[in-house]
């Protein structure tokens, strides 16, 4: 099991390949900060629901100065198909070895349909422009998650 990050700590560096094949460093050029969410796998029901929820609320997040990044173990090609099929206008990042997920604490024991295994955990982080964590949430419920996050960001 990996160590969970805490609010106020410095976010780990993150350099991954995006769904267009470009290298992205999250430490560069963000006005207010970034929302980084880890999801288990493209095209699964919960992950699709969550991705579309971020899509549908993107204007509210970018209006507050936040860029959104979704991270999964899927290949850049699979993420490109996912982004195209669901019209996802934000960046998806490929973490094929789940190294970033482990570093961010988004990897651990989980139970799906009564089966316990170790794997990616649906997790969301908000990183301030100075690199500190404003929000860290693990084992996120995909339903209604983004509206709860927006409420927290406006409080």
C-alpha atoms as a PDB file:
ATOM      1  CA  UNK A   1       0.000   0.000   0.000  1.00  0.00           C
ATOM      2  CA  UNK A   2       1.266   3.465  -0.843  1.00  0.00           C
ATOM      3  CA  UNK A   3       1.394   6.511   1.418  1.00  0.00           C
ATOM      4  CA  UNK A   4      -1.503   8.932   1.016  1.00  0.00           C
ATOM      5  CA  UNK A   5      -0.709  12.602   0.425  1.00  0.00           C
ATOM      6  CA  UNK A   6      -2.013  15.256   2.802  1.00  0.00           C
ATOM      7  CA  UNK A   7      -3.350  18.758   2.271  1.00  0.00           C
ATOM      8  CA  UNK A   8      -0.588  21.347   2.617  1.00  0.00           C
ATOM      9  CA  UNK A   9       2.193  19.011   1.521  1.00  0.00           C
ATOM     10  CA  UNK A  10       4.049  19.514  -1.752  1.00  0.00           C
ATOM     11  CA  UNK A  11       2.578  17.581  -4.655  1.00  0.00           C
ATOM     12  CA  UNK A  12       4.956  15.066  -6.225  1.00  0.00           C
ATOM     13  CA  UNK A  13       6.341  15.960  -9.630  1.00  0.00           C
ATOM     14  CA  UNK A  14       4.445  14.467 -12.528  1.00  0.00           C
ATOM     15  CA  UNK A  15       5.784  14.034 -16.064  1.00  0.00           C
ATOM     16  CA  UNK A  16       3.741  11.746 -18.311  1.00  0.00           C
ATOM     17  CA  UNK A  17       2.730  11.293 -21.940  1.00  0.00           C
ATOM     18  CA  UNK A  18      -0.648  12.739 -22.868  1.00  0.00           C
ATOM     19  CA  UNK A  19      -3.304  11.308 -25.173  1.00  0.00           C
ATOM     20  CA  UNK A  20      -1.739  13.208 -28.099  1.00  0.00           C
ATOM     21  CA  UNK A  21       1.717  11.702 -27.530  1.00  0.00           C
ATOM     22  CA  UNK A  22       3.237  14.846 -25.961  1.00  0.00           C
ATOM     23  CA  UNK A  23       5.208  14.935 -22.715  1.00  0.00           C
ATOM     24  CA  UNK A  24       3.430  16.967 -20.031  1.00  0.00           C
ATOM     25  CA  UNK A  25       4.959  18.326 -16.812  1.00  0.00           C
ATOM     26  CA  UNK A  26       2.355  19.431 -14.321  1.00  0.00           C
ATOM     27  CA  UNK A  27       4.710  21.812 -12.570  1.00  0.00           C
ATOM     28  CA  UNK A  28       4.643  24.330 -15.422  1.00  0.00           C
ATOM     29  CA  UNK A  29       2.467  27.365 -16.140  1.00  0.00           C
ATOM     30  CA  UNK A  30      -0.759  27.157 -14.162  1.00  0.00           C
ATOM     31  CA  UNK A  31      -2.550  30.298 -12.999  1.00  0.00           C
ATOM     32  CA  UNK A  32      -4.416  29.000  -9.955  1.00  0.00           C
ATOM     33  CA  UNK A  33      -3.443  25.384 -10.054  1.00  0.00           C
ATOM     34  CA  UNK A  34      -4.491  22.047 -11.411  1.00  0.00           C
ATOM     35  CA  UNK A  35      -6.997  19.324 -10.711  1.00  0.00           C
ATOM     36  CA  UNK A  36      -5.412  15.895 -11.119  1.00  0.00           C
ATOM     37  CA  UNK A  37      -7.694  12.910 -10.982  1.00  0.00           C
ATOM     38  CA  UNK A  38      -6.605   9.290 -11.169  1.00  0.00           C
ATOM     39  CA  UNK A  39      -9.059   6.812 -12.638  1.00  0.00           C
ATOM     40  CA  UNK A  40      -8.725   3.041 -12.992  1.00  0.00           C
ATOM     41  CA  UNK A  41      -9.498   2.452 -16.675  1.00  0.00           C
ATOM     42  CA  UNK A  42     -10.958   4.202 -19.717  1.00  0.00           C
ATOM     43  CA  UNK A  43     -14.335   3.050 -21.048  1.00  0.00           C
ATOM     44  CA  UNK A  44     -15.479   1.468 -17.764  1.00  0.00           C
ATOM     45  CA  UNK A  45     -18.834   2.758 -16.456  1.00  0.00           C
ATOM     46  CA  UNK A  46     -17.567   4.642 -13.365  1.00  0.00           C
ATOM     47  CA  UNK A  47     -14.558   6.110 -15.153  1.00  0.00           C
ATOM     48  CA  UNK A  48     -16.658   7.201 -18.123  1.00  0.00           C
ATOM     49  CA  UNK A  49     -19.185   8.830 -15.798  1.00  0.00           C
ATOM     50  CA  UNK A  50     -16.429  10.653 -13.918  1.00  0.00           C
ATOM     51  CA  UNK A  51     -14.658  11.779 -17.110  1.00  0.00           C
ATOM     52  CA  UNK A  52     -17.921  13.154 -18.528  1.00  0.00           C
ATOM     53  CA  UNK A  53     -18.656  14.875 -15.214  1.00  0.00           C
ATOM     54  CA  UNK A  54     -15.327  16.703 -15.446  1.00  0.00           C
ATOM     55  CA  UNK A  55     -16.121  17.528 -19.105  1.00  0.00           C
ATOM     56  CA  UNK A  56     -19.539  18.913 -18.210  1.00  0.00           C
ATOM     57  CA  UNK A  57     -18.109  21.057 -15.380  1.00  0.00           C
ATOM     58  CA  UNK A  58     -14.881  22.093 -17.089  1.00  0.00           C
ATOM     59  CA  UNK A  59     -15.979  25.713 -17.647  1.00  0.00           C
ATOM     60  CA  UNK A  60     -16.575  26.174 -13.912  1.00  0.00           C
ATOM     61  CA  UNK A  61     -13.139  24.751 -13.099  1.00  0.00           C
ATOM     62  CA  UNK A  62     -11.247  26.693 -15.764  1.00  0.00           C
ATOM     63  CA  UNK A  63     -13.223  29.799 -14.777  1.00  0.00           C
ATOM     64  CA  UNK A  64     -11.537  29.505 -11.389  1.00  0.00           C
ATOM     65  CA  UNK A  65      -8.145  29.111 -13.118  1.00  0.00           C
ATOM     66  CA  UNK A  66      -7.805  25.319 -12.827  1.00  0.00           C
ATOM     67  CA  UNK A  67      -6.597  23.038 -15.574  1.00  0.00           C
ATOM     68  CA  UNK A  68      -7.835  19.443 -15.412  1.00  0.00           C
ATOM     69  CA  UNK A  69      -5.758  16.304 -15.973  1.00  0.00           C
ATOM     70  CA  UNK A  70      -7.037  12.739 -15.866  1.00  0.00           C
ATOM     71  CA  UNK A  71      -4.470   9.984 -15.243  1.00  0.00           C
ATOM     72  CA  UNK A  72      -4.805   6.234 -15.829  1.00  0.00           C
ATOM     73  CA  UNK A  73      -2.698   3.244 -16.768  1.00  0.00           C
ATOM     74  CA  UNK A  74      -4.171   3.199 -20.277  1.00  0.00           C
ATOM     75  CA  UNK A  75      -1.919   3.769 -23.292  1.00  0.00           C
ATOM     76  CA  UNK A  76      -1.897   7.196 -24.979  1.00  0.00           C
ATOM     77  CA  UNK A  77      -3.697   5.595 -27.945  1.00  0.00           C
ATOM     78  CA  UNK A  78      -6.482   4.202 -25.732  1.00  0.00           C
ATOM     79  CA  UNK A  79      -6.800   7.555 -23.966  1.00  0.00           C
ATOM     80  CA  UNK A  80      -7.026   9.301 -27.360  1.00  0.00           C
ATOM     81  CA  UNK A  81      -9.930   7.007 -28.327  1.00  0.00           C
ATOM     82  CA  UNK A  82     -11.578   7.705 -24.955  1.00  0.00           C
ATOM     83  CA  UNK A  83     -11.156  11.481 -25.343  1.00  0.00           C
ATOM     84  CA  UNK A  84     -12.525  11.401 -28.870  1.00  0.00           C
ATOM     85  CA  UNK A  85     -15.500   9.161 -28.144  1.00  0.00           C
ATOM     86  CA  UNK A  86     -16.664  11.212 -25.158  1.00  0.00           C
ATOM     87  CA  UNK A  87     -15.519  14.661 -26.388  1.00  0.00           C
ATOM     88  CA  UNK A  88     -13.202  15.171 -23.421  1.00  0.00           C
ATOM     89  CA  UNK A  89     -11.636  18.629 -23.891  1.00  0.00           C
ATOM     90  CA  UNK A  90      -8.970  18.295 -21.211  1.00  0.00           C
ATOM     91  CA  UNK A  91      -5.686  16.395 -21.052  1.00  0.00           C
ATOM     92  CA  UNK A  92      -5.536  12.681 -20.298  1.00  0.00           C
ATOM     93  CA  UNK A  93      -2.182  11.289 -19.139  1.00  0.00           C
ATOM     94  CA  UNK A  94      -0.850   7.769 -19.514  1.00  0.00           C
ATOM     95  CA  UNK A  95       0.727   6.107 -16.462  1.00  0.00           C
ATOM     96  CA  UNK A  96       1.313   2.578 -17.847  1.00  0.00           C
ATOM     97  CA  UNK A  97       3.419   1.299 -14.950  1.00  0.00           C
ATOM     98  CA  UNK A  98       1.219   3.079 -12.388  1.00  0.00           C
ATOM     99  CA  UNK A  99       4.339   4.761 -10.977  1.00  0.00           C
ATOM    100  CA  UNK A 100       2.595   8.139 -10.684  1.00  0.00           C
ATOM    101  CA  UNK A 101      -0.432   6.497  -9.055  1.00  0.00           C
ATOM    102  CA  UNK A 102       1.838   4.882  -6.475  1.00  0.00           C
ATOM    103  CA  UNK A 103       3.729   8.138  -5.837  1.00  0.00           C
ATOM    104  CA  UNK A 104       0.476  10.062  -5.343  1.00  0.00           C
ATOM    105  CA  UNK A 105      -0.992   7.334  -3.098  1.00  0.00           C
ATOM    106  CA  UNK A 106      -3.621   6.451  -5.716  1.00  0.00           C
ATOM    107  CA  UNK A 107      -2.744   2.758  -5.633  1.00  0.00           C
ATOM    108  CA  UNK A 108      -3.791   0.234  -3.038  1.00  0.00           C
ATOM    109  CA  UNK A 109      -6.287  -2.317  -1.868  1.00  0.00           C
ATOM    110  CA  UNK A 110      -9.765  -2.008  -3.320  1.00  0.00           C
ATOM    111  CA  UNK A 111     -12.925  -4.093  -3.424  1.00  0.00           C
ATOM    112  CA  UNK A 112     -14.935  -4.370  -6.626  1.00  0.00           C
ATOM    113  CA  UNK A 113     -18.029  -6.583  -6.795  1.00  0.00           C
ATOM    114  CA  UNK A 114     -16.974  -8.291  -3.571  1.00  0.00           C
ATOM    115  CA  UNK A 115     -13.485  -9.109  -4.884  1.00  0.00           C
ATOM    116  CA  UNK A 116     -10.511  -7.533  -3.105  1.00  0.00           C
ATOM    117  CA  UNK A 117      -7.405  -6.741  -5.140  1.00  0.00           C
ATOM    118  CA  UNK A 118      -4.595  -4.217  -5.345  1.00  0.00           C
ATOM    119  CA  UNK A 119      -4.807  -1.624  -8.104  1.00  0.00           C
ATOM    120  CA  UNK A 120      -5.512   1.980  -9.019  1.00  0.00           C
ATOM    121  CA  UNK A 121      -7.716   3.964  -6.657  1.00  0.00           C
ATOM    122  CA  UNK A 122     -10.084   6.634  -7.954  1.00  0.00           C
ATOM    123  CA  UNK A 123      -8.477   9.716  -6.380  1.00  0.00           C
ATOM    124  CA  UNK A 124      -8.594  13.483  -6.916  1.00  0.00           C
ATOM    125  CA  UNK A 125      -6.131  16.223  -6.027  1.00  0.00           C
ATOM    126  CA  UNK A 126      -6.125  19.988  -6.331  1.00  0.00           C
ATOM    127  CA  UNK A 127      -2.648  21.468  -6.542  1.00  0.00           C
ATOM    128  CA  UNK A 128      -2.163  25.184  -5.854  1.00  0.00           C
ATOM    129  CA  UNK A 129       0.021  27.250  -8.179  1.00  0.00           C
ATOM    130  CA  UNK A 130       2.815  27.066  -5.553  1.00  0.00           C
ATOM    131  CA  UNK A 131       2.806  23.252  -5.795  1.00  0.00           C
ATOM    132  CA  UNK A 132       1.096  22.535  -2.467  1.00  0.00           C
ATOM    133  CA  UNK A 133      -1.944  20.326  -2.168  1.00  0.00           C
ATOM    134  CA  UNK A 134      -5.210  22.127  -1.519  1.00  0.00           C
ATOM    135  CA  UNK A 135      -7.310  18.956  -1.730  1.00  0.00           C
ATOM    136  CA  UNK A 136      -6.550  15.220  -1.598  1.00  0.00           C
ATOM    137  CA  UNK A 137      -9.353  12.673  -1.767  1.00  0.00           C
ATOM    138  CA  UNK A 138      -9.011   8.914  -2.074  1.00  0.00           C
ATOM    139  CA  UNK A 139     -11.531   6.215  -2.988  1.00  0.00           C
ATOM    140  CA  UNK A 140     -13.743   8.801  -4.644  1.00  0.00           C
ATOM    141  CA  UNK A 141     -17.356   7.984  -5.501  1.00  0.00           C
ATOM    142  CA  UNK A 142     -17.651   8.918  -9.189  1.00  0.00           C
ATOM    143  CA  UNK A 143     -21.299  10.016  -8.891  1.00  0.00           C
ATOM    144  CA  UNK A 144     -21.591  13.707  -8.041  1.00  0.00           C
ATOM    145  CA  UNK A 145     -17.903  13.977  -7.315  1.00  0.00           C
ATOM    146  CA  UNK A 146     -17.156  17.045  -9.436  1.00  0.00           C
ATOM    147  CA  UNK A 147     -20.032  19.090  -7.998  1.00  0.00           C
ATOM    148  CA  UNK A 148     -18.773  18.288  -4.483  1.00  0.00           C
ATOM    149  CA  UNK A 149     -15.274  19.329  -5.552  1.00  0.00           C
ATOM    150  CA  UNK A 150     -16.556  22.607  -7.040  1.00  0.00           C
ATOM    151  CA  UNK A 151     -18.405  23.357  -3.820  1.00  0.00           C
ATOM    152  CA  UNK A 152     -15.207  22.874  -1.830  1.00  0.00           C
ATOM    153  CA  UNK A 153     -13.209  25.080  -4.202  1.00  0.00           C
ATOM    154  CA  UNK A 154     -15.683  27.952  -3.868  1.00  0.00           C
ATOM    155  CA  UNK A 155     -15.908  27.774  -0.054  1.00  0.00           C
END
